[in-house]
N, C-alpha and C. Protein backbone atom coordinates (compact mmCIF):
# COMPACT_ATOMS: atom_id res chain seq x y z
N MET A 1 0.85 -1.19 0.00
CA MET A 1 0.00 0.00 0.00
C MET A 1 0.89 1.24 0.00
N GLU A 2 0.68 2.13 -0.97
CA GLU A 2 1.50 3.36 -1.10
C GLU A 2 0.62 4.59 -0.93
N LYS A 3 -0.05 4.70 0.21
CA LYS A 3 -0.94 5.84 0.42
C LYS A 3 -0.17 7.16 0.48
N PHE A 4 0.95 7.17 1.19
CA PHE A 4 1.73 8.39 1.38
C PHE A 4 2.96 8.39 0.49
N LYS A 5 3.32 9.55 -0.01
CA LYS A 5 4.48 9.71 -0.90
C LYS A 5 5.47 10.68 -0.27
N LEU A 6 6.74 10.52 -0.60
CA LEU A 6 7.77 11.46 -0.16
C LEU A 6 7.50 12.81 -0.80
N MET A 7 7.38 13.85 0.01
CA MET A 7 7.10 15.19 -0.52
C MET A 7 8.24 15.64 -1.43
N ALA A 8 7.87 16.38 -2.47
CA ALA A 8 8.88 17.02 -3.30
C ALA A 8 9.30 18.32 -2.61
N LEU A 9 10.58 18.61 -2.60
CA LEU A 9 11.05 19.86 -2.01
C LEU A 9 10.65 21.04 -2.91
N PRO A 10 10.22 22.16 -2.32
CA PRO A 10 9.84 23.33 -3.13
C PRO A 10 11.03 24.20 -3.53
N TYR A 11 12.24 23.64 -3.52
CA TYR A 11 13.47 24.34 -3.86
C TYR A 11 14.51 23.29 -4.22
N ALA A 12 15.60 23.72 -4.86
CA ALA A 12 16.69 22.80 -5.20
C ALA A 12 17.42 22.37 -3.93
N PRO A 13 18.02 21.18 -3.91
CA PRO A 13 18.69 20.68 -2.70
C PRO A 13 19.80 21.59 -2.18
N GLU A 14 20.42 22.38 -3.07
CA GLU A 14 21.49 23.29 -2.64
C GLU A 14 20.99 24.69 -2.30
N ALA A 15 19.68 24.94 -2.44
CA ALA A 15 19.13 26.29 -2.31
C ALA A 15 19.28 26.89 -0.90
N LEU A 16 19.42 26.04 0.11
CA LEU A 16 19.46 26.52 1.49
C LEU A 16 20.89 26.73 2.01
N GLU A 17 21.88 26.46 1.16
CA GLU A 17 23.27 26.64 1.57
C GLU A 17 23.56 28.14 1.75
N PRO A 18 24.45 28.52 2.68
CA PRO A 18 25.26 27.64 3.53
C PRO A 18 24.58 27.23 4.84
N VAL A 19 23.35 27.65 5.08
CA VAL A 19 22.70 27.35 6.37
C VAL A 19 22.44 25.85 6.52
N ILE A 20 21.87 25.23 5.48
CA ILE A 20 21.68 23.77 5.45
C ILE A 20 22.30 23.29 4.15
N SER A 21 23.26 22.38 4.26
CA SER A 21 24.00 21.92 3.08
C SER A 21 23.16 20.95 2.23
N ARG A 22 23.55 20.87 0.98
CA ARG A 22 22.95 19.90 0.06
C ARG A 22 23.07 18.49 0.64
N GLU A 23 24.22 18.20 1.28
CA GLU A 23 24.45 16.88 1.87
C GLU A 23 23.45 16.59 2.99
N THR A 24 23.21 17.58 3.85
CA THR A 24 22.22 17.39 4.92
C THR A 24 20.84 17.17 4.33
N ILE A 25 20.48 17.95 3.31
CA ILE A 25 19.17 17.76 2.66
C ILE A 25 19.07 16.34 2.09
N ALA A 26 20.15 15.86 1.48
CA ALA A 26 20.13 14.51 0.90
C ALA A 26 19.86 13.44 1.95
N PHE A 27 20.48 13.57 3.12
CA PHE A 27 20.25 12.61 4.20
C PHE A 27 18.90 12.83 4.88
N HIS A 28 18.63 14.08 5.23
CA HIS A 28 17.46 14.39 6.05
C HIS A 28 16.17 14.14 5.27
N HIS A 29 16.08 14.66 4.06
CA HIS A 29 14.89 14.47 3.23
C HIS A 29 14.94 13.13 2.51
N GLY A 30 16.05 12.86 1.85
CA GLY A 30 16.14 11.69 0.98
C GLY A 30 16.25 10.36 1.69
N LYS A 31 16.73 10.37 2.93
CA LYS A 31 16.87 9.11 3.68
C LYS A 31 15.94 9.05 4.90
N HIS A 32 16.04 10.04 5.81
CA HIS A 32 15.22 9.99 7.04
C HIS A 32 13.73 10.11 6.73
N LEU A 33 13.33 11.17 6.01
CA LEU A 33 11.91 11.34 5.72
C LEU A 33 11.40 10.21 4.83
N ALA A 34 12.19 9.81 3.85
CA ALA A 34 11.78 8.69 2.98
C ALA A 34 11.53 7.42 3.80
N ALA A 35 12.35 7.17 4.81
CA ALA A 35 12.16 5.99 5.65
C ALA A 35 10.86 6.07 6.44
N TYR A 36 10.53 7.26 6.98
CA TYR A 36 9.26 7.40 7.70
C TYR A 36 8.07 7.13 6.78
N VAL A 37 8.15 7.62 5.54
CA VAL A 37 7.07 7.40 4.57
C VAL A 37 6.94 5.90 4.27
N ASN A 38 8.06 5.26 3.98
CA ASN A 38 8.03 3.81 3.69
C ASN A 38 7.53 3.01 4.88
N ASN A 39 7.99 3.37 6.08
CA ASN A 39 7.56 2.66 7.29
C ASN A 39 6.06 2.80 7.51
N LEU A 40 5.55 4.03 7.38
CA LEU A 40 4.11 4.23 7.61
C LEU A 40 3.30 3.46 6.59
N ASN A 41 3.68 3.53 5.32
CA ASN A 41 2.95 2.77 4.30
C ASN A 41 2.94 1.28 4.62
N GLY A 42 4.04 0.78 5.15
CA GLY A 42 4.12 -0.64 5.51
C GLY A 42 3.28 -1.02 6.72
N LEU A 43 2.95 -0.05 7.55
CA LEU A 43 2.17 -0.32 8.77
C LEU A 43 0.66 -0.10 8.59
N LEU A 44 0.24 0.48 7.48
CA LEU A 44 -1.15 0.90 7.34
C LEU A 44 -2.16 -0.23 7.14
N GLU A 45 -1.77 -1.28 6.44
CA GLU A 45 -2.73 -2.33 6.12
C GLU A 45 -3.37 -2.92 7.37
N ASN A 46 -4.70 -2.96 7.38
CA ASN A 46 -5.51 -3.49 8.50
C ASN A 46 -5.29 -2.72 9.81
N SER A 47 -4.87 -1.46 9.71
CA SER A 47 -4.62 -0.67 10.91
C SER A 47 -5.84 0.14 11.34
N GLY A 48 -6.81 0.29 10.43
CA GLY A 48 -7.94 1.18 10.70
C GLY A 48 -7.65 2.60 10.26
N PHE A 49 -6.42 2.86 9.79
CA PHE A 49 -6.03 4.21 9.36
C PHE A 49 -5.79 4.30 7.86
N GLU A 50 -6.25 3.29 7.11
CA GLU A 50 -5.96 3.25 5.67
C GLU A 50 -6.46 4.50 4.93
N GLU A 51 -7.58 5.07 5.37
CA GLU A 51 -8.18 6.23 4.68
C GLU A 51 -7.96 7.53 5.44
N ALA A 52 -7.26 7.49 6.57
CA ALA A 52 -7.11 8.68 7.43
C ALA A 52 -6.08 9.65 6.86
N THR A 53 -6.25 10.92 7.20
CA THR A 53 -5.25 11.93 6.88
C THR A 53 -4.09 11.81 7.87
N LEU A 54 -2.96 12.42 7.53
CA LEU A 54 -1.82 12.42 8.46
C LEU A 54 -2.22 13.01 9.80
N GLU A 55 -2.93 14.16 9.78
CA GLU A 55 -3.31 14.81 11.05
C GLU A 55 -4.20 13.90 11.88
N ASP A 56 -5.16 13.20 11.24
CA ASP A 56 -6.01 12.28 11.99
C ASP A 56 -5.19 11.15 12.61
N ILE A 57 -4.25 10.62 11.84
CA ILE A 57 -3.41 9.54 12.36
C ILE A 57 -2.61 10.05 13.56
N VAL A 58 -2.02 11.25 13.43
CA VAL A 58 -1.20 11.80 14.52
C VAL A 58 -2.04 12.03 15.78
N CYS A 59 -3.29 12.39 15.61
CA CYS A 59 -4.15 12.67 16.77
C CYS A 59 -4.75 11.41 17.39
N LYS A 60 -4.79 10.30 16.64
CA LYS A 60 -5.52 9.12 17.14
C LYS A 60 -4.68 7.85 17.29
N ALA A 61 -3.56 7.75 16.58
CA ALA A 61 -2.80 6.50 16.58
C ALA A 61 -1.84 6.43 17.77
N THR A 62 -1.24 5.27 17.94
CA THR A 62 -0.21 5.05 18.96
C THR A 62 0.93 4.27 18.31
N GLY A 63 2.01 4.10 19.05
CA GLY A 63 3.11 3.23 18.64
C GLY A 63 3.77 3.65 17.34
N GLY A 64 4.17 2.65 16.56
CA GLY A 64 4.92 2.90 15.33
C GLY A 64 4.14 3.71 14.30
N ILE A 65 2.84 3.50 14.22
CA ILE A 65 2.03 4.27 13.26
C ILE A 65 2.08 5.74 13.63
N LEU A 66 1.87 6.06 14.90
CA LEU A 66 1.95 7.46 15.35
C LEU A 66 3.34 8.03 15.11
N ASN A 67 4.39 7.32 15.48
CA ASN A 67 5.75 7.85 15.34
C ASN A 67 6.09 8.19 13.89
N ASN A 68 5.77 7.29 12.98
CA ASN A 68 6.10 7.54 11.57
C ASN A 68 5.20 8.62 10.97
N ALA A 69 3.91 8.61 11.27
CA ALA A 69 3.01 9.65 10.76
C ALA A 69 3.39 11.01 11.32
N GLY A 70 3.73 11.06 12.61
CA GLY A 70 4.14 12.32 13.23
C GLY A 70 5.38 12.88 12.58
N GLN A 71 6.34 12.02 12.30
CA GLN A 71 7.57 12.49 11.66
C GLN A 71 7.31 12.98 10.23
N ILE A 72 6.39 12.33 9.51
CA ILE A 72 6.07 12.80 8.16
C ILE A 72 5.41 14.18 8.24
N LEU A 73 4.41 14.33 9.09
CA LEU A 73 3.73 15.62 9.24
C LEU A 73 4.71 16.71 9.65
N ASN A 74 5.54 16.43 10.65
CA ASN A 74 6.51 17.41 11.12
C ASN A 74 7.48 17.82 10.02
N HIS A 75 8.01 16.83 9.30
CA HIS A 75 8.99 17.13 8.27
C HIS A 75 8.37 17.84 7.07
N GLU A 76 7.13 17.53 6.73
CA GLU A 76 6.48 18.25 5.62
C GLU A 76 6.31 19.73 5.96
N LEU A 77 5.94 20.01 7.20
CA LEU A 77 5.83 21.41 7.63
C LEU A 77 7.20 22.07 7.68
N TYR A 78 8.19 21.33 8.16
CA TYR A 78 9.57 21.83 8.27
C TYR A 78 10.15 22.16 6.89
N PHE A 79 10.21 21.18 6.00
CA PHE A 79 10.81 21.41 4.69
C PHE A 79 10.00 22.40 3.85
N GLY A 80 8.71 22.47 4.08
CA GLY A 80 7.85 23.37 3.32
C GLY A 80 7.94 24.83 3.71
N GLN A 81 8.64 25.15 4.79
CA GLN A 81 8.67 26.53 5.31
C GLN A 81 9.92 27.30 4.88
N PHE A 82 10.81 26.69 4.09
CA PHE A 82 12.10 27.32 3.79
C PHE A 82 12.16 27.91 2.39
N SER A 83 13.07 28.87 2.24
CA SER A 83 13.47 29.39 0.93
C SER A 83 14.92 29.85 1.05
N ALA A 84 15.51 30.31 -0.05
CA ALA A 84 16.92 30.70 -0.05
C ALA A 84 17.22 31.71 1.05
N PRO A 85 18.44 31.68 1.62
CA PRO A 85 18.79 32.57 2.74
C PRO A 85 18.61 34.05 2.41
N LYS A 86 18.08 34.78 3.40
CA LYS A 86 17.91 36.24 3.29
C LYS A 86 18.37 36.87 4.60
N ALA A 87 19.16 37.91 4.50
CA ALA A 87 19.57 38.63 5.71
C ALA A 87 18.38 39.43 6.23
N ASP A 88 18.33 39.64 7.54
CA ASP A 88 17.28 40.42 8.18
C ASP A 88 15.89 39.97 7.74
N ASN A 89 15.67 38.68 7.76
CA ASN A 89 14.43 38.05 7.32
C ASN A 89 13.40 38.11 8.44
N GLN A 90 12.28 38.82 8.23
CA GLN A 90 11.26 38.97 9.28
C GLN A 90 9.86 38.89 8.70
N PRO A 91 8.88 38.48 9.53
CA PRO A 91 7.50 38.46 9.07
C PRO A 91 6.94 39.88 8.96
N VAL A 92 5.86 39.98 8.18
CA VAL A 92 5.11 41.24 8.08
C VAL A 92 3.63 40.89 8.23
N GLY A 93 2.78 41.91 8.24
CA GLY A 93 1.34 41.65 8.25
C GLY A 93 0.81 41.14 9.58
N LYS A 94 -0.29 40.38 9.49
CA LYS A 94 -1.01 39.94 10.69
C LYS A 94 -0.16 39.06 11.60
N LEU A 95 0.68 38.22 11.00
CA LEU A 95 1.52 37.36 11.82
C LEU A 95 2.53 38.19 12.61
N ALA A 96 3.13 39.17 11.97
CA ALA A 96 4.08 40.05 12.67
C ALA A 96 3.39 40.78 13.82
N GLU A 97 2.15 41.25 13.58
CA GLU A 97 1.38 41.92 14.64
C GLU A 97 1.12 40.96 15.80
N ALA A 98 0.75 39.71 15.47
CA ALA A 98 0.46 38.72 16.52
C ALA A 98 1.71 38.38 17.31
N ILE A 99 2.85 38.30 16.65
CA ILE A 99 4.12 38.03 17.35
C ILE A 99 4.42 39.17 18.32
N ARG A 100 4.27 40.40 17.87
CA ARG A 100 4.51 41.55 18.76
C ARG A 100 3.52 41.54 19.93
N ARG A 101 2.26 41.24 19.65
CA ARG A 101 1.22 41.21 20.69
C ARG A 101 1.54 40.15 21.74
N ASP A 102 1.93 38.94 21.30
CA ASP A 102 2.05 37.82 22.23
C ASP A 102 3.44 37.63 22.82
N PHE A 103 4.48 38.25 22.20
CA PHE A 103 5.84 38.09 22.72
C PHE A 103 6.53 39.41 23.01
N GLY A 104 5.92 40.53 22.65
CA GLY A 104 6.52 41.84 22.92
C GLY A 104 7.28 42.40 21.74
N SER A 105 8.05 41.55 21.04
CA SER A 105 8.79 41.98 19.86
C SER A 105 9.23 40.73 19.09
N PHE A 106 9.61 40.92 17.83
CA PHE A 106 10.13 39.80 17.04
C PHE A 106 11.41 39.26 17.68
N GLU A 107 12.28 40.15 18.15
CA GLU A 107 13.54 39.72 18.78
C GLU A 107 13.27 38.88 20.03
N ALA A 108 12.30 39.30 20.85
CA ALA A 108 11.96 38.53 22.06
C ALA A 108 11.41 37.15 21.69
N PHE A 109 10.59 37.11 20.64
CA PHE A 109 10.06 35.83 20.16
C PHE A 109 11.19 34.91 19.70
N LYS A 110 12.11 35.44 18.87
CA LYS A 110 13.23 34.64 18.38
C LYS A 110 14.07 34.10 19.53
N GLU A 111 14.32 34.94 20.51
CA GLU A 111 15.13 34.53 21.66
C GLU A 111 14.47 33.37 22.41
N GLU A 112 13.16 33.50 22.67
CA GLU A 112 12.46 32.43 23.40
C GLU A 112 12.39 31.15 22.56
N PHE A 113 12.14 31.30 21.27
CA PHE A 113 12.03 30.15 20.38
C PHE A 113 13.35 29.38 20.33
N GLN A 114 14.46 30.12 20.14
CA GLN A 114 15.77 29.49 20.10
C GLN A 114 16.12 28.84 21.43
N LYS A 115 15.79 29.49 22.53
CA LYS A 115 16.09 28.93 23.85
C LYS A 115 15.33 27.63 24.06
N LYS A 116 14.05 27.61 23.66
CA LYS A 116 13.26 26.37 23.84
C LYS A 116 13.80 25.26 22.93
N GLY A 117 14.30 25.63 21.75
CA GLY A 117 14.90 24.63 20.87
C GLY A 117 16.21 24.11 21.41
N ALA A 118 17.02 25.01 21.94
CA ALA A 118 18.35 24.63 22.45
C ALA A 118 18.26 23.81 23.73
N THR A 119 17.21 24.01 24.53
CA THR A 119 17.12 23.35 25.83
C THR A 119 16.22 22.12 25.82
N LEU A 120 15.65 21.76 24.67
CA LEU A 120 14.85 20.54 24.59
C LEU A 120 15.79 19.35 24.75
N PHE A 121 15.57 18.56 25.77
CA PHE A 121 16.45 17.42 26.02
C PHE A 121 16.16 16.32 25.01
N GLY A 122 17.22 15.76 24.44
CA GLY A 122 17.05 14.65 23.51
C GLY A 122 16.60 15.13 22.15
N SER A 123 15.71 14.35 21.53
CA SER A 123 15.28 14.63 20.17
C SER A 123 13.86 15.18 20.15
N GLY A 124 13.61 16.07 19.19
CA GLY A 124 12.26 16.61 19.07
C GLY A 124 12.21 17.86 18.23
N TRP A 125 11.25 18.72 18.56
CA TRP A 125 10.89 19.87 17.74
C TRP A 125 10.50 21.03 18.63
N VAL A 126 10.79 22.24 18.18
CA VAL A 126 10.24 23.43 18.83
C VAL A 126 9.27 24.05 17.82
N TRP A 127 8.11 24.49 18.30
CA TRP A 127 7.02 24.92 17.43
C TRP A 127 6.48 26.29 17.84
N LEU A 128 6.10 27.07 16.84
CA LEU A 128 5.21 28.22 17.02
C LEU A 128 3.86 27.76 16.50
N SER A 129 2.85 27.89 17.34
CA SER A 129 1.50 27.46 16.98
C SER A 129 0.50 28.53 17.38
N ALA A 130 -0.71 28.39 16.85
CA ALA A 130 -1.80 29.29 17.20
C ALA A 130 -2.96 28.48 17.78
N ASP A 131 -3.64 29.07 18.78
CA ASP A 131 -4.85 28.42 19.27
C ASP A 131 -6.04 28.89 18.42
N ASN A 132 -7.24 28.46 18.80
CA ASN A 132 -8.43 28.78 18.01
C ASN A 132 -8.72 30.27 17.94
N ASN A 133 -8.19 31.06 18.88
CA ASN A 133 -8.40 32.50 18.89
C ASN A 133 -7.25 33.27 18.22
N GLY A 134 -6.27 32.53 17.67
CA GLY A 134 -5.14 33.19 17.01
C GLY A 134 -4.01 33.55 17.94
N LYS A 135 -4.13 33.21 19.24
CA LYS A 135 -3.04 33.50 20.19
C LYS A 135 -1.88 32.54 19.91
N LEU A 136 -0.69 33.10 19.89
CA LEU A 136 0.51 32.33 19.56
C LEU A 136 1.15 31.74 20.81
N THR A 137 1.72 30.56 20.65
CA THR A 137 2.41 29.91 21.75
C THR A 137 3.61 29.13 21.19
N ILE A 138 4.65 28.98 22.01
CA ILE A 138 5.82 28.19 21.65
C ILE A 138 5.80 26.92 22.51
N THR A 139 5.94 25.77 21.86
CA THR A 139 5.97 24.51 22.61
C THR A 139 7.18 23.69 22.20
N GLN A 140 7.63 22.88 23.14
CA GLN A 140 8.65 21.86 22.89
C GLN A 140 7.91 20.54 22.75
N GLU A 141 8.17 19.84 21.67
CA GLU A 141 7.53 18.54 21.44
C GLU A 141 8.62 17.49 21.28
N THR A 142 8.55 16.42 22.06
CA THR A 142 9.58 15.39 21.99
C THR A 142 9.28 14.40 20.87
N ASN A 143 10.33 13.80 20.37
CA ASN A 143 10.27 12.72 19.38
C ASN A 143 9.43 13.11 18.17
N ALA A 144 8.27 12.47 17.96
CA ALA A 144 7.43 12.73 16.78
C ALA A 144 6.17 13.52 17.12
N ALA A 145 6.08 14.08 18.31
CA ALA A 145 4.86 14.79 18.71
C ALA A 145 4.68 16.06 17.88
N ASN A 146 3.42 16.50 17.78
CA ASN A 146 3.06 17.67 17.00
C ASN A 146 1.99 18.45 17.78
N PRO A 147 2.00 19.78 17.69
CA PRO A 147 1.01 20.58 18.42
C PRO A 147 -0.45 20.28 18.07
N VAL A 148 -0.73 19.65 16.92
CA VAL A 148 -2.13 19.31 16.60
C VAL A 148 -2.70 18.39 17.67
N GLN A 149 -1.84 17.64 18.35
CA GLN A 149 -2.31 16.73 19.40
C GLN A 149 -2.83 17.51 20.62
N ARG A 150 -2.47 18.80 20.71
CA ARG A 150 -2.94 19.66 21.80
C ARG A 150 -4.06 20.59 21.33
N GLY A 151 -4.55 20.39 20.10
CA GLY A 151 -5.61 21.24 19.56
C GLY A 151 -5.09 22.55 19.01
N LEU A 152 -3.77 22.64 18.75
CA LEU A 152 -3.17 23.86 18.22
C LEU A 152 -2.92 23.72 16.72
N LYS A 153 -2.75 24.87 16.06
CA LYS A 153 -2.43 24.89 14.63
C LYS A 153 -0.93 25.17 14.49
N PRO A 154 -0.14 24.19 14.00
CA PRO A 154 1.30 24.40 13.86
C PRO A 154 1.62 25.38 12.72
N LEU A 155 2.52 26.33 13.00
CA LEU A 155 2.86 27.36 12.02
C LEU A 155 4.31 27.27 11.57
N LEU A 156 5.23 27.13 12.52
CA LEU A 156 6.67 27.20 12.26
C LEU A 156 7.35 26.19 13.17
N THR A 157 8.36 25.50 12.64
CA THR A 157 9.06 24.53 13.47
C THR A 157 10.54 24.49 13.15
N PHE A 158 11.35 24.22 14.16
CA PHE A 158 12.76 23.90 14.00
C PHE A 158 12.95 22.48 14.51
N ASP A 159 13.57 21.66 13.68
CA ASP A 159 13.85 20.27 14.00
C ASP A 159 15.12 20.23 14.85
N VAL A 160 15.04 19.67 16.05
CA VAL A 160 16.23 19.58 16.88
C VAL A 160 16.71 18.13 17.07
N TRP A 161 16.27 17.22 16.18
CA TRP A 161 16.90 15.92 16.10
C TRP A 161 18.30 16.15 15.53
N GLU A 162 19.29 15.40 15.99
CA GLU A 162 20.66 15.64 15.53
C GLU A 162 20.83 15.48 14.03
N HIS A 163 20.04 14.61 13.40
CA HIS A 163 20.24 14.41 11.95
C HIS A 163 19.90 15.68 11.16
N ALA A 164 19.18 16.62 11.76
CA ALA A 164 18.82 17.87 11.07
C ALA A 164 20.00 18.82 10.93
N TYR A 165 21.01 18.66 11.80
CA TYR A 165 22.09 19.66 11.81
C TYR A 165 23.50 19.10 11.99
N TYR A 166 23.65 17.82 12.29
CA TYR A 166 24.96 17.34 12.75
C TYR A 166 26.05 17.41 11.68
N LEU A 167 25.71 17.16 10.43
CA LEU A 167 26.73 17.22 9.36
C LEU A 167 27.29 18.63 9.21
N ASP A 168 26.43 19.64 9.39
CA ASP A 168 26.83 21.03 9.18
C ASP A 168 27.32 21.72 10.46
N TYR A 169 26.78 21.34 11.61
CA TYR A 169 27.05 22.08 12.85
C TYR A 169 27.60 21.20 13.97
N GLN A 170 27.80 19.90 13.72
CA GLN A 170 28.20 18.96 14.76
C GLN A 170 27.28 19.12 15.99
N ASN A 171 27.86 19.36 17.16
CA ASN A 171 27.03 19.43 18.38
C ASN A 171 26.60 20.86 18.71
N ARG A 172 26.72 21.79 17.77
CA ARG A 172 26.41 23.20 18.04
C ARG A 172 24.95 23.52 17.68
N ARG A 173 24.03 22.89 18.38
CA ARG A 173 22.60 23.09 18.12
C ARG A 173 22.21 24.56 18.17
N PRO A 174 22.64 25.34 19.18
CA PRO A 174 22.23 26.76 19.22
C PRO A 174 22.65 27.56 17.99
N HIS A 175 23.83 27.27 17.43
CA HIS A 175 24.29 27.96 16.22
C HIS A 175 23.39 27.64 15.04
N HIS A 176 23.00 26.38 14.94
CA HIS A 176 22.09 25.95 13.88
C HIS A 176 20.75 26.68 14.00
N LEU A 177 20.20 26.71 15.20
CA LEU A 177 18.90 27.36 15.41
C LEU A 177 18.97 28.85 15.05
N ALA A 178 20.05 29.50 15.45
CA ALA A 178 20.20 30.93 15.16
C ALA A 178 20.28 31.19 13.66
N ALA A 179 20.89 30.26 12.90
CA ALA A 179 21.06 30.44 11.46
C ALA A 179 19.76 30.20 10.68
N LEU A 180 18.86 29.38 11.21
CA LEU A 180 17.65 29.00 10.47
C LEU A 180 16.74 30.18 10.13
N TRP A 181 16.78 31.26 10.91
CA TRP A 181 15.89 32.39 10.64
C TRP A 181 16.09 32.95 9.24
N GLN A 182 17.30 32.83 8.69
CA GLN A 182 17.57 33.34 7.33
C GLN A 182 16.76 32.60 6.27
N LEU A 183 16.31 31.38 6.58
CA LEU A 183 15.66 30.52 5.60
C LEU A 183 14.13 30.58 5.63
N ILE A 184 13.55 31.15 6.67
CA ILE A 184 12.09 31.07 6.83
C ILE A 184 11.39 31.84 5.72
N ASN A 185 10.49 31.16 5.05
CA ASN A 185 9.62 31.81 4.06
C ASN A 185 8.39 32.30 4.82
N TRP A 186 8.42 33.55 5.23
CA TRP A 186 7.36 34.08 6.09
C TRP A 186 6.01 34.12 5.39
N ASP A 187 5.98 34.13 4.05
CA ASP A 187 4.71 34.06 3.33
C ASP A 187 4.01 32.73 3.63
N VAL A 188 4.79 31.65 3.67
CA VAL A 188 4.23 30.34 3.99
C VAL A 188 3.67 30.33 5.41
N ILE A 189 4.42 30.87 6.36
CA ILE A 189 3.98 30.88 7.76
C ILE A 189 2.72 31.74 7.90
N GLU A 190 2.69 32.86 7.22
CA GLU A 190 1.52 33.76 7.22
C GLU A 190 0.29 33.02 6.67
N GLN A 191 0.46 32.26 5.60
CA GLN A 191 -0.68 31.49 5.04
C GLN A 191 -1.17 30.44 6.04
N ARG A 192 -0.25 29.80 6.74
CA ARG A 192 -0.66 28.83 7.75
C ARG A 192 -1.44 29.51 8.87
N TYR A 193 -1.00 30.71 9.23
CA TYR A 193 -1.66 31.46 10.31
C TYR A 193 -3.05 31.92 9.90
N ALA A 194 -3.19 32.32 8.64
CA ALA A 194 -4.49 32.78 8.13
C ALA A 194 -5.50 31.63 8.15
């Protein structure tokens, strides 16, 4: 059963250099994400989730099905939010207003987001999400967890599993997190927020 497919990247594999190398993209997207897709497809038969969406699976499944579906959902949001590096890259519009409202300033938001990413023990994700009223929150999610499991709408994420950064940054997770801001396609995040 091939219900789920490996997402196509919306940019060339070298487009995110020097922040994320072509080599990291090859491993992270081409090997890690591909394995989650293959694993989930292999687990679906007679699972009760054959017709479910990724979000439904992440909210209702357990065990290996949840772990692989969660990693696919997380990585699709992660890889889908990037574009070529830009200096002084910041959001505008309603999302920028909401960030200022809920965190005081874009700089304060970035600082808290990076700190939560740097201090997450082990493997996982740091997320910016919105509740049903549009209020923004930052959460740390371990392993394959996603804010949809808490009833939140995921907007922006940084992957803090070592495979996301180790080839380029070794054990310097904070440096990797600080560099990722150059890659965020704020139009994509704004559309998710809308």
